[in-house]
Amino acid sequence: MTEFIQFVAVLLAAFGAVSLGWLALGALLLPGECPGRMVIGGSGSGAGLEQTVRAALWLRRTGLWRGEVVIEDLGLTEDGRALARLLAGEGGVSFTGDCPDRI
């Protein structure tokens, strides 16, 4: 029974060491001072706009991406613009405003 406990302990230690190495490698590969800008185009009632913005914010919170989220008006309705303005209240999210309809 003692050998089994030792085996599990070694297995957990190896998994922890690999996880720490993976995190260190990820930190080295992530660009340091190169923030990007994600432009999300919204049209119509803004279907899927909230999910897309929340996904981008999740990437930023986890440290996988650094940058600003911009919602661009590509013909949003009034309901869509209201949703975009609400999402623009989040930190690091901006809304380009009420642009004329584009073809």
C-alpha atoms as a PDB file:
ATOM      1  CA  MET A   1       0.000   0.000   0.000  1.00  0.00           C
ATOM      2  CA  THR A   2       2.905   2.352   0.755  1.00  0.00           C
ATOM      3  CA  GLU A   3       4.288   1.860  -2.753  1.00  0.00           C
ATOM      4  CA  PHE A   4       0.941   2.893  -4.228  1.00  0.00           C
ATOM      5  CA  ILE A   5       0.865   6.098  -2.158  1.00  0.00           C
ATOM      6  CA  GLN A   6       4.431   6.872  -3.206  1.00  0.00           C
ATOM      7  CA  PHE A   7       3.507   6.293  -6.847  1.00  0.00           C
ATOM      8  CA  VAL A   8       0.534   8.671  -6.601  1.00  0.00           C
ATOM      9  CA  ALA A   9       2.684  11.300  -4.857  1.00  0.00           C
ATOM     10  CA  VAL A  10       5.363  11.077  -7.560  1.00  0.00           C
ATOM     11  CA  LEU A  11       2.693  11.263 -10.259  1.00  0.00           C
ATOM     12  CA  LEU A  12       1.165  14.394  -8.694  1.00  0.00           C
ATOM     13  CA  ALA A  13       4.600  15.997  -8.286  1.00  0.00           C
ATOM     14  CA  ALA A  14       5.437  15.299 -11.927  1.00  0.00           C
ATOM     15  CA  PHE A  15       2.114  16.768 -13.046  1.00  0.00           C
ATOM     16  CA  GLY A  16       2.760  19.879 -10.947  1.00  0.00           C
ATOM     17  CA  ALA A  17       6.255  20.306 -12.394  1.00  0.00           C
ATOM     18  CA  VAL A  18       4.965  19.968 -15.960  1.00  0.00           C
ATOM     19  CA  SER A  19       2.168  22.462 -15.228  1.00  0.00           C
ATOM     20  CA  LEU A  20       4.607  25.023 -13.843  1.00  0.00           C
ATOM     21  CA  GLY A  21       6.871  24.560 -16.859  1.00  0.00           C
ATOM     22  CA  TRP A  22       3.898  25.025 -19.180  1.00  0.00           C
ATOM     23  CA  LEU A  23       2.929  28.275 -17.433  1.00  0.00           C
ATOM     24  CA  ALA A  24       6.496  29.569 -17.559  1.00  0.00           C
ATOM     25  CA  LEU A  25       6.780  28.772 -21.270  1.00  0.00           C
ATOM     26  CA  GLY A  26       3.459  30.489 -21.920  1.00  0.00           C
ATOM     27  CA  ALA A  27       4.623  33.614 -20.085  1.00  0.00           C
ATOM     28  CA  LEU A  28       7.777  33.683 -22.193  1.00  0.00           C
ATOM     29  CA  LEU A  29       5.891  33.314 -25.475  1.00  0.00           C
ATOM     30  CA  LEU A  30       3.207  35.902 -24.680  1.00  0.00           C
ATOM     31  CA  PRO A  31       4.150  39.285 -26.136  1.00  0.00           C
ATOM     32  CA  GLY A  32       5.023  41.733 -23.389  1.00  0.00           C
ATOM     33  CA  GLU A  33       4.279  45.202 -24.703  1.00  0.00           C
ATOM     34  CA  CYS A  34       2.309  44.548 -27.852  1.00  0.00           C
ATOM     35  CA  PRO A  35      -1.351  45.140 -27.050  1.00  0.00           C
ATOM     36  CA  GLY A  36      -3.778  44.403 -29.821  1.00  0.00           C
ATOM     37  CA  ARG A  37      -7.193  45.717 -30.688  1.00  0.00           C
ATOM     38  CA  MET A  38     -10.094  43.372 -31.352  1.00  0.00           C
ATOM     39  CA  VAL A  39     -12.764  44.999 -33.506  1.00  0.00           C
ATOM     40  CA  ILE A  40     -16.142  43.276 -33.263  1.00  0.00           C
ATOM     41  CA  GLY A  41     -18.665  44.283 -35.892  1.00  0.00           C
ATOM     42  CA  GLY A  42     -22.270  44.429 -34.765  1.00  0.00           C
ATOM     43  CA  SER A  43     -25.264  44.512 -37.080  1.00  0.00           C
ATOM     44  CA  GLY A  44     -29.001  44.175 -36.719  1.00  0.00           C
ATOM     45  CA  SER A  45     -30.143  43.531 -33.170  1.00  0.00           C
ATOM     46  CA  GLY A  46     -26.637  42.547 -32.079  1.00  0.00           C
ATOM     47  CA  ALA A  47     -27.277  38.814 -31.962  1.00  0.00           C
ATOM     48  CA  GLY A  48     -24.169  37.123 -30.580  1.00  0.00           C
ATOM     49  CA  LEU A  49     -22.535  40.451 -29.716  1.00  0.00           C
ATOM     50  CA  GLU A  50     -22.619  39.928 -25.966  1.00  0.00           C
ATOM     51  CA  GLN A  51     -21.159  36.428 -26.193  1.00  0.00           C
ATOM     52  CA  THR A  52     -18.341  37.626 -28.444  1.00  0.00           C
ATOM     53  CA  VAL A  53     -17.448  40.534 -26.166  1.00  0.00           C
ATOM     54  CA  ARG A  54     -17.587  38.334 -23.058  1.00  0.00           C
ATOM     55  CA  ALA A  55     -15.285  35.793 -24.768  1.00  0.00           C
ATOM     56  CA  ALA A  56     -12.761  38.537 -25.579  1.00  0.00           C
ATOM     57  CA  LEU A  57     -12.906  39.811 -21.998  1.00  0.00           C
ATOM     58  CA  TRP A  58     -12.388  36.257 -20.730  1.00  0.00           C
ATOM     59  CA  LEU A  59      -9.262  35.946 -22.883  1.00  0.00           C
ATOM     60  CA  ARG A  60      -7.959  39.183 -21.398  1.00  0.00           C
ATOM     61  CA  ARG A  61      -8.763  38.151 -17.811  1.00  0.00           C
ATOM     62  CA  THR A  62      -6.918  34.863 -18.207  1.00  0.00           C
ATOM     63  CA  GLY A  63      -3.860  36.644 -19.595  1.00  0.00           C
ATOM     64  CA  LEU A  64      -3.985  34.922 -22.976  1.00  0.00           C
ATOM     65  CA  TRP A  65      -4.547  38.227 -24.788  1.00  0.00           C
ATOM     66  CA  ARG A  66      -3.815  41.852 -24.015  1.00  0.00           C
ATOM     67  CA  GLY A  67      -5.629  44.683 -25.666  1.00  0.00           C
ATOM     68  CA  GLU A  68      -8.796  46.656 -26.168  1.00  0.00           C
ATOM     69  CA  VAL A  69     -12.167  45.497 -27.442  1.00  0.00           C
ATOM     70  CA  VAL A  70     -13.901  47.818 -29.921  1.00  0.00           C
ATOM     71  CA  ILE A  71     -17.517  47.329 -30.984  1.00  0.00           C
ATOM     72  CA  GLU A  72     -18.053  48.765 -34.460  1.00  0.00           C
ATOM     73  CA  ASP A  73     -21.519  49.752 -35.620  1.00  0.00           C
ATOM     74  CA  LEU A  74     -22.182  48.002 -38.920  1.00  0.00           C
ATOM     75  CA  GLY A  75     -25.882  48.823 -39.035  1.00  0.00           C
ATOM     76  CA  LEU A  76     -27.146  48.115 -35.533  1.00  0.00           C
ATOM     77  CA  THR A  77     -30.788  48.726 -34.689  1.00  0.00           C
ATOM     78  CA  GLU A  78     -31.735  50.810 -31.652  1.00  0.00           C
ATOM     79  CA  ASP A  79     -31.855  47.656 -29.509  1.00  0.00           C
ATOM     80  CA  GLY A  80     -28.459  46.624 -30.836  1.00  0.00           C
ATOM     81  CA  ARG A  81     -26.985  50.058 -30.101  1.00  0.00           C
ATOM     82  CA  ALA A  82     -28.398  49.935 -26.563  1.00  0.00           C
ATOM     83  CA  LEU A  83     -26.737  46.546 -26.049  1.00  0.00           C
ATOM     84  CA  ALA A  84     -23.442  47.848 -27.463  1.00  0.00           C
ATOM     85  CA  ARG A  85     -23.560  50.886 -25.151  1.00  0.00           C
ATOM     86  CA  LEU A  86     -24.244  48.597 -22.193  1.00  0.00           C
ATOM     87  CA  LEU A  87     -21.296  46.385 -23.129  1.00  0.00           C
ATOM     88  CA  ALA A  88     -19.125  49.481 -23.613  1.00  0.00           C
ATOM     89  CA  GLY A  89     -19.549  50.117 -19.904  1.00  0.00           C
ATOM     90  CA  GLU A  90     -17.232  47.173 -19.284  1.00  0.00           C
ATOM     91  CA  GLY A  91     -13.595  48.021 -18.670  1.00  0.00           C
ATOM     92  CA  GLY A  92     -11.543  48.154 -21.861  1.00  0.00           C
ATOM     93  CA  VAL A  93     -14.534  47.995 -24.213  1.00  0.00           C
ATOM     94  CA  SER A  94     -15.405  50.925 -26.449  1.00  0.00           C
ATOM     95  CA  PHE A  95     -18.240  51.545 -28.925  1.00  0.00           C
ATOM     96  CA  THR A  96     -17.566  53.474 -32.125  1.00  0.00           C
ATOM     97  CA  GLY A  97     -20.907  55.239 -31.809  1.00  0.00           C
ATOM     98  CA  ASP A  98     -23.833  55.707 -34.064  1.00  0.00           C
ATOM     99  CA  CYS A  99     -22.333  55.371 -37.513  1.00  0.00           C
ATOM    100  CA  PRO A 100     -24.480  55.693 -40.641  1.00  0.00           C
ATOM    101  CA  ASP A 101     -25.648  52.468 -42.201  1.00  0.00           C
ATOM    102  CA  ARG A 102     -23.069  50.920 -44.504  1.00  0.00           C
ATOM    103  CA  ILE A 103     -23.701  48.927 -47.614  1.00  0.00           C
END
